[in-house]
Amino acid sequence: MLSSKSKDDDTTTDIKDDVRGLNASLAFGLGYALTDNIVVYGGYNLGLSNLDDTNSDGKNTLNTLQIGVAYKLK
């Protein structure tokens, strides 16, 4: 990880030492071709790793929802 910062109002804090730099996730997704050239797709990444490296009881994971439209060039 290159950088990790927390921003609260007008204060920015470097939290790189409090966050693990590697994340494992399980990805799901699908796409549908509307036409020969236009595709819509979506996906979800379920974070499996606890990113909190501060020995606290909490668990921080990274979950991502992706939605998009693509155009195929021929």
Protein backbone atom coordinates (compact mmCIF):
# COMPACT_ATOMS: atom_id res chain seq x y z
CA MET A 1 0.00 0.00 0.00
CA LEU A 2 1.38 3.37 -0.97
CA SER A 3 -0.74 5.53 1.28
CA SER A 4 -3.66 5.37 3.72
CA LYS A 5 -5.19 8.50 5.21
CA SER A 6 -8.19 9.35 7.33
CA LYS A 7 -9.83 12.74 6.88
CA ASP A 8 -12.07 14.32 9.52
CA ASP A 9 -13.32 17.85 8.87
CA ASP A 10 -10.09 19.79 8.27
CA THR A 11 -7.65 17.26 9.79
CA THR A 12 -5.89 14.55 7.76
CA THR A 13 -4.13 11.69 9.60
CA ASP A 14 -1.75 9.11 8.13
CA ILE A 15 -3.07 5.66 9.19
CA LYS A 16 -0.82 3.51 7.01
CA ASP A 17 0.67 1.75 10.06
CA ASP A 18 -2.85 0.90 11.36
CA VAL A 19 -4.06 -0.81 8.16
CA ARG A 20 -2.89 -4.07 6.61
CA GLY A 21 -1.52 -3.67 3.10
CA LEU A 22 -2.98 -6.88 1.63
CA ASN A 23 -6.63 -7.71 1.10
CA ALA A 24 -8.19 -11.00 0.06
CA SER A 25 -11.70 -11.01 -1.37
CA LEU A 26 -14.21 -13.25 -3.13
CA ALA A 27 -15.50 -11.75 -6.40
CA PHE A 28 -18.88 -12.33 -8.04
CA GLY A 29 -20.04 -10.76 -11.27
CA LEU A 30 -22.02 -11.04 -14.46
CA GLY A 31 -22.54 -9.20 -17.68
CA TYR A 32 -25.24 -9.01 -20.33
CA ALA A 33 -24.85 -8.03 -23.98
CA LEU A 34 -27.67 -5.63 -24.89
CA THR A 35 -26.50 -5.47 -28.49
CA ASP A 36 -23.46 -6.75 -30.39
CA ASN A 37 -21.49 -3.74 -29.13
CA ILE A 38 -23.03 -2.69 -25.79
CA VAL A 39 -22.59 -4.70 -22.59
CA VAL A 40 -23.83 -3.93 -19.07
CA TYR A 41 -22.13 -5.61 -16.15
CA GLY A 42 -22.08 -5.71 -12.41
CA GLY A 43 -20.08 -7.31 -9.69
CA TYR A 44 -19.45 -7.52 -5.98
CA ASN A 45 -16.20 -8.13 -4.11
CA LEU A 46 -16.71 -9.57 -0.64
CA GLY A 47 -13.78 -8.68 1.61
CA LEU A 48 -12.46 -11.66 3.55
CA SER A 49 -9.47 -10.04 5.27
CA ASN A 50 -9.57 -7.93 8.40
CA LEU A 51 -7.74 -4.74 7.41
CA ASP A 52 -7.50 -3.43 10.98
CA ASP A 53 -3.92 -3.85 12.23
CA THR A 54 -4.37 -2.12 15.62
CA ASN A 55 -5.23 -5.16 17.81
CA SER A 56 -8.74 -3.81 18.43
CA ASP A 57 -11.84 -6.00 18.66
CA GLY A 58 -13.37 -4.43 15.54
CA LYS A 59 -13.24 -5.84 12.04
CA ASN A 60 -12.74 -3.68 8.95
CA THR A 61 -13.22 -5.28 5.56
CA LEU A 62 -13.26 -3.84 2.06
CA ASN A 63 -16.42 -4.66 0.08
CA THR A 64 -16.90 -3.26 -3.41
CA LEU A 65 -19.96 -2.95 -5.67
CA GLN A 66 -19.22 -2.43 -9.36
CA ILE A 67 -21.65 -1.40 -12.09
CA GLY A 68 -20.72 -0.48 -15.62
CA VAL A 69 -21.46 -0.19 -19.30
CA ALA A 70 -18.96 -1.21 -21.97
CA TYR A 71 -18.76 -0.62 -25.70
CA LYS A 72 -17.04 -3.28 -27.81
CA LEU A 73 -14.85 -2.03 -30.63
CA LYS A 74 -14.71 -4.19 -33.73
